[in-house]
């Protein structure tokens, strides 16, 4: 199955609830690369690269988390980054 890369913005109760670290754990579990970081407006921005099914599973798992409440998700396709090898939390 081919890989995709998406730029994703999450809004809701997504800061101060372990969102970035949960996303990193899930990305490592599913073999997805990319990064995630908080924004000053309270949203969280990510870029995820991997099989579309795996990116969807990460988002679904985040939506089902007890402490996280995602009100809105914006997704945009990007070009693949061939050299990327891991998923990181940016500060």
N, C-alpha and C. Protein backbone atom coordinates (compact mmCIF):
# COMPACT_ATOMS: atom_id res chain seq x y z
N UNK A 1 0.85 -1.18 0.00
CA UNK A 1 0.00 0.00 0.00
C UNK A 1 0.90 1.24 0.00
N UNK A 2 0.61 2.21 -0.86
CA UNK A 2 1.46 3.40 -0.95
C UNK A 2 1.34 4.30 0.29
N UNK A 3 2.40 5.07 0.48
CA UNK A 3 2.42 6.01 1.60
C UNK A 3 1.82 7.35 1.20
N UNK A 4 1.34 8.05 2.23
CA UNK A 4 0.85 9.42 2.07
C UNK A 4 1.53 10.28 3.12
N UNK A 5 1.44 11.58 2.97
CA UNK A 5 1.89 12.53 3.99
C UNK A 5 0.79 13.57 4.14
N UNK A 6 0.42 13.85 5.39
CA UNK A 6 -0.63 14.83 5.64
C UNK A 6 -0.19 15.85 6.68
N UNK A 7 -0.61 17.09 6.45
CA UNK A 7 -0.48 18.16 7.42
C UNK A 7 -1.82 18.21 8.14
N UNK A 8 -1.81 18.09 9.48
CA UNK A 8 -3.04 17.96 10.24
C UNK A 8 -3.05 18.98 11.38
N UNK A 9 -4.18 19.67 11.54
CA UNK A 9 -4.39 20.58 12.66
C UNK A 9 -5.54 20.02 13.49
N UNK A 10 -5.29 19.86 14.79
CA UNK A 10 -6.30 19.39 15.73
C UNK A 10 -6.70 20.55 16.64
N UNK A 11 -8.00 20.77 16.83
CA UNK A 11 -8.47 21.77 17.78
C UNK A 11 -9.43 21.10 18.76
N UNK A 12 -9.52 21.70 19.94
CA UNK A 12 -10.35 21.14 21.02
C UNK A 12 -9.53 21.13 22.30
N UNK A 13 -9.78 20.15 23.15
CA UNK A 13 -8.95 19.97 24.35
C UNK A 13 -7.81 19.04 23.96
N UNK A 14 -6.77 19.64 23.37
CA UNK A 14 -5.67 18.86 22.81
C UNK A 14 -4.31 19.26 23.39
N UNK A 15 -4.30 20.23 24.29
CA UNK A 15 -3.06 20.59 24.98
C UNK A 15 -3.24 20.33 26.47
N UNK A 16 -2.16 19.87 27.11
CA UNK A 16 -2.21 19.61 28.55
C UNK A 16 -2.86 18.28 28.90
N UNK A 17 -3.06 17.41 27.90
CA UNK A 17 -3.71 16.12 28.14
C UNK A 17 -2.87 14.95 27.62
N UNK A 18 -1.59 15.20 27.32
CA UNK A 18 -0.71 14.15 26.81
C UNK A 18 -0.91 13.83 25.34
N UNK A 19 -1.53 14.74 24.62
CA UNK A 19 -1.87 14.52 23.21
C UNK A 19 -0.65 14.21 22.37
N UNK A 20 0.38 15.05 22.45
CA UNK A 20 1.57 14.87 21.59
C UNK A 20 2.27 13.55 21.88
N UNK A 21 2.35 13.17 23.15
CA UNK A 21 3.06 11.94 23.50
C UNK A 21 2.25 10.71 23.15
N UNK A 22 0.93 10.81 23.24
CA UNK A 22 0.06 9.72 22.80
C UNK A 22 0.19 9.55 21.28
N UNK A 23 0.20 10.67 20.55
CA UNK A 23 0.36 10.61 19.10
C UNK A 23 1.71 10.00 18.72
N UNK A 24 2.77 10.37 19.44
CA UNK A 24 4.10 9.81 19.16
C UNK A 24 4.11 8.30 19.41
N UNK A 25 3.53 7.87 20.51
CA UNK A 25 3.46 6.44 20.82
C UNK A 25 2.72 5.69 19.70
N UNK A 26 1.56 6.23 19.28
CA UNK A 26 0.77 5.59 18.23
C UNK A 26 1.53 5.57 16.90
N UNK A 27 2.20 6.67 16.58
CA UNK A 27 2.97 6.73 15.33
C UNK A 27 4.06 5.67 15.33
N UNK A 28 4.76 5.52 16.44
CA UNK A 28 5.80 4.51 16.53
C UNK A 28 5.20 3.11 16.40
N UNK A 29 4.05 2.90 17.01
CA UNK A 29 3.36 1.61 16.95
C UNK A 29 2.98 1.25 15.51
N UNK A 30 2.50 2.22 14.76
CA UNK A 30 2.04 1.97 13.39
C UNK A 30 3.11 2.21 12.33
N UNK A 31 4.30 2.61 12.72
CA UNK A 31 5.37 2.83 11.76
C UNK A 31 5.20 4.10 10.93
N UNK A 32 4.56 5.10 11.52
CA UNK A 32 4.32 6.38 10.86
C UNK A 32 5.42 7.36 11.27
N UNK A 33 5.93 8.13 10.32
CA UNK A 33 6.96 9.13 10.62
C UNK A 33 6.33 10.52 10.58
N UNK A 34 7.10 11.51 11.01
CA UNK A 34 6.64 12.89 10.99
C UNK A 34 6.96 13.62 12.26
N UNK A 35 6.10 14.56 12.63
CA UNK A 35 6.33 15.36 13.83
C UNK A 35 5.00 15.93 14.32
N UNK A 36 5.03 16.46 15.55
CA UNK A 36 3.85 17.08 16.15
C UNK A 36 4.30 18.19 17.09
N UNK A 37 3.50 19.28 17.18
CA UNK A 37 3.86 20.38 18.08
C UNK A 37 2.60 21.17 18.47
N UNK A 38 2.69 21.83 19.63
CA UNK A 38 1.63 22.71 20.10
C UNK A 38 1.71 24.05 19.40
N UNK A 39 0.57 24.69 19.25
CA UNK A 39 0.51 26.07 18.77
C UNK A 39 0.04 26.96 19.91
N UNK A 40 0.40 28.23 19.84
CA UNK A 40 0.02 29.18 20.89
C UNK A 40 -1.48 29.39 20.99
N UNK A 41 -2.23 29.12 19.93
CA UNK A 41 -3.69 29.30 19.96
C UNK A 41 -4.42 28.12 20.62
N UNK A 42 -3.69 27.13 21.12
CA UNK A 42 -4.30 25.98 21.78
C UNK A 42 -4.50 24.78 20.88
N UNK A 43 -4.21 24.92 19.60
CA UNK A 43 -4.33 23.79 18.68
C UNK A 43 -3.02 22.99 18.67
N UNK A 44 -3.06 21.85 18.01
CA UNK A 44 -1.87 21.02 17.82
C UNK A 44 -1.72 20.76 16.33
N UNK A 45 -0.50 20.93 15.83
CA UNK A 45 -0.18 20.74 14.42
C UNK A 45 0.70 19.50 14.27
N UNK A 46 0.44 18.72 13.23
CA UNK A 46 1.24 17.53 12.98
C UNK A 46 1.44 17.33 11.49
N UNK A 47 2.50 16.62 11.16
CA UNK A 47 2.67 16.06 9.83
C UNK A 47 2.92 14.58 10.04
N UNK A 48 2.13 13.76 9.36
CA UNK A 48 2.24 12.31 9.50
C UNK A 48 2.42 11.69 8.13
N UNK A 49 3.36 10.74 8.06
CA UNK A 49 3.67 10.06 6.81
C UNK A 49 3.67 8.57 7.03
N UNK A 50 2.90 7.86 6.24
CA UNK A 50 2.82 6.41 6.33
C UNK A 50 1.64 5.93 5.49
N UNK A 51 1.24 4.70 5.72
CA UNK A 51 0.07 4.19 5.01
C UNK A 51 -1.17 4.97 5.47
N UNK A 52 -2.04 5.31 4.55
CA UNK A 52 -3.24 6.09 4.89
C UNK A 52 -4.05 5.41 5.99
N UNK A 53 -4.15 4.10 5.92
CA UNK A 53 -4.88 3.33 6.93
C UNK A 53 -4.28 3.54 8.32
N UNK A 54 -2.96 3.60 8.41
CA UNK A 54 -2.30 3.77 9.71
C UNK A 54 -2.48 5.19 10.24
N UNK A 55 -2.40 6.19 9.37
CA UNK A 55 -2.65 7.57 9.79
C UNK A 55 -4.08 7.69 10.31
N UNK A 56 -5.03 7.07 9.61
CA UNK A 56 -6.43 7.09 10.05
C UNK A 56 -6.61 6.41 11.40
N UNK A 57 -5.88 5.30 11.63
CA UNK A 57 -5.97 4.59 12.91
C UNK A 57 -5.44 5.45 14.06
N UNK A 58 -4.37 6.21 13.80
CA UNK A 58 -3.83 7.11 14.83
C UNK A 58 -4.88 8.15 15.19
N UNK A 59 -5.46 8.78 14.19
CA UNK A 59 -6.47 9.81 14.45
C UNK A 59 -7.67 9.23 15.19
N UNK A 60 -8.12 8.06 14.78
CA UNK A 60 -9.24 7.42 15.46
C UNK A 60 -8.92 7.13 16.92
N UNK A 61 -7.72 6.62 17.19
CA UNK A 61 -7.32 6.33 18.57
C UNK A 61 -7.25 7.59 19.41
N UNK A 62 -6.76 8.67 18.84
CA UNK A 62 -6.72 9.94 19.56
C UNK A 62 -8.13 10.43 19.89
N UNK A 63 -9.06 10.26 18.95
CA UNK A 63 -10.44 10.68 19.17
C UNK A 63 -11.12 9.86 20.26
N UNK A 64 -10.68 8.63 20.45
CA UNK A 64 -11.30 7.74 21.44
C UNK A 64 -10.67 7.85 22.82
N UNK A 65 -9.59 8.62 22.96
CA UNK A 65 -8.90 8.76 24.24
C UNK A 65 -9.80 9.46 25.26
N UNK A 66 -9.72 9.03 26.50
CA UNK A 66 -10.56 9.55 27.57
C UNK A 66 -10.34 11.03 27.86
N UNK A 67 -9.09 11.49 27.83
CA UNK A 67 -8.75 12.84 28.25
C UNK A 67 -8.73 13.86 27.11
N UNK A 68 -8.67 13.36 25.89
CA UNK A 68 -8.57 14.22 24.72
C UNK A 68 -9.98 14.46 24.16
N UNK A 69 -10.22 15.71 23.74
CA UNK A 69 -11.48 16.01 23.04
C UNK A 69 -11.13 16.80 21.77
N UNK A 70 -11.27 16.16 20.64
CA UNK A 70 -11.00 16.81 19.37
C UNK A 70 -12.31 17.35 18.83
N UNK A 71 -12.36 18.68 18.65
CA UNK A 71 -13.56 19.31 18.10
C UNK A 71 -13.49 19.43 16.59
N UNK A 72 -12.30 19.60 16.04
CA UNK A 72 -12.15 19.83 14.61
C UNK A 72 -10.79 19.33 14.14
N UNK A 73 -10.77 18.74 12.96
CA UNK A 73 -9.53 18.27 12.34
C UNK A 73 -9.47 18.81 10.92
N UNK A 74 -8.33 19.40 10.57
CA UNK A 74 -8.08 19.84 9.20
C UNK A 74 -6.95 18.99 8.65
N UNK A 75 -7.17 18.38 7.50
CA UNK A 75 -6.17 17.50 6.88
C UNK A 75 -5.87 17.98 5.46
N UNK A 76 -4.57 18.03 5.13
CA UNK A 76 -4.13 18.45 3.80
C UNK A 76 -3.00 17.54 3.34
N UNK A 77 -3.07 17.03 2.14
CA UNK A 77 -2.02 16.16 1.60
C UNK A 77 -0.79 16.97 1.23
N UNK A 78 0.37 16.36 1.48
CA UNK A 78 1.66 16.98 1.17
C UNK A 78 2.50 16.01 0.35
N UNK A 79 3.60 16.51 -0.17
CA UNK A 79 4.60 15.66 -0.83
C UNK A 79 5.28 14.78 0.22
N UNK A 80 5.65 13.56 -0.16
CA UNK A 80 6.37 12.68 0.74
C UNK A 80 7.78 13.22 1.01
N UNK A 81 8.30 12.95 2.20
CA UNK A 81 9.68 13.27 2.55
C UNK A 81 10.44 11.95 2.65
N UNK A 82 11.17 11.62 1.60
CA UNK A 82 11.82 10.33 1.47
C UNK A 82 12.85 10.04 2.56
N UNK A 83 13.50 11.06 3.07
CA UNK A 83 14.58 10.87 4.05
C UNK A 83 14.10 10.73 5.49
N UNK A 84 12.84 10.99 5.75
CA UNK A 84 12.33 10.97 7.12
C UNK A 84 12.27 9.54 7.64
N UNK A 85 12.75 9.34 8.89
CA UNK A 85 12.83 7.99 9.45
C UNK A 85 12.14 7.82 10.80
N UNK A 86 11.67 8.91 11.43
CA UNK A 86 11.08 8.77 12.77
C UNK A 86 9.98 9.80 12.98
N UNK A 87 9.31 9.69 14.11
CA UNK A 87 8.27 10.63 14.51
C UNK A 87 8.77 11.36 15.74
N UNK A 88 8.70 12.68 15.76
CA UNK A 88 9.23 13.44 16.88
C UNK A 88 8.23 14.48 17.39
N UNK A 89 8.43 14.85 18.65
CA UNK A 89 7.67 15.94 19.26
C UNK A 89 8.53 17.18 19.15
N UNK A 90 7.99 18.23 18.52
CA UNK A 90 8.71 19.50 18.38
C UNK A 90 8.27 20.44 19.48
N UNK A 91 9.19 21.31 19.90
CA UNK A 91 8.89 22.29 20.95
C UNK A 91 9.01 23.69 20.42
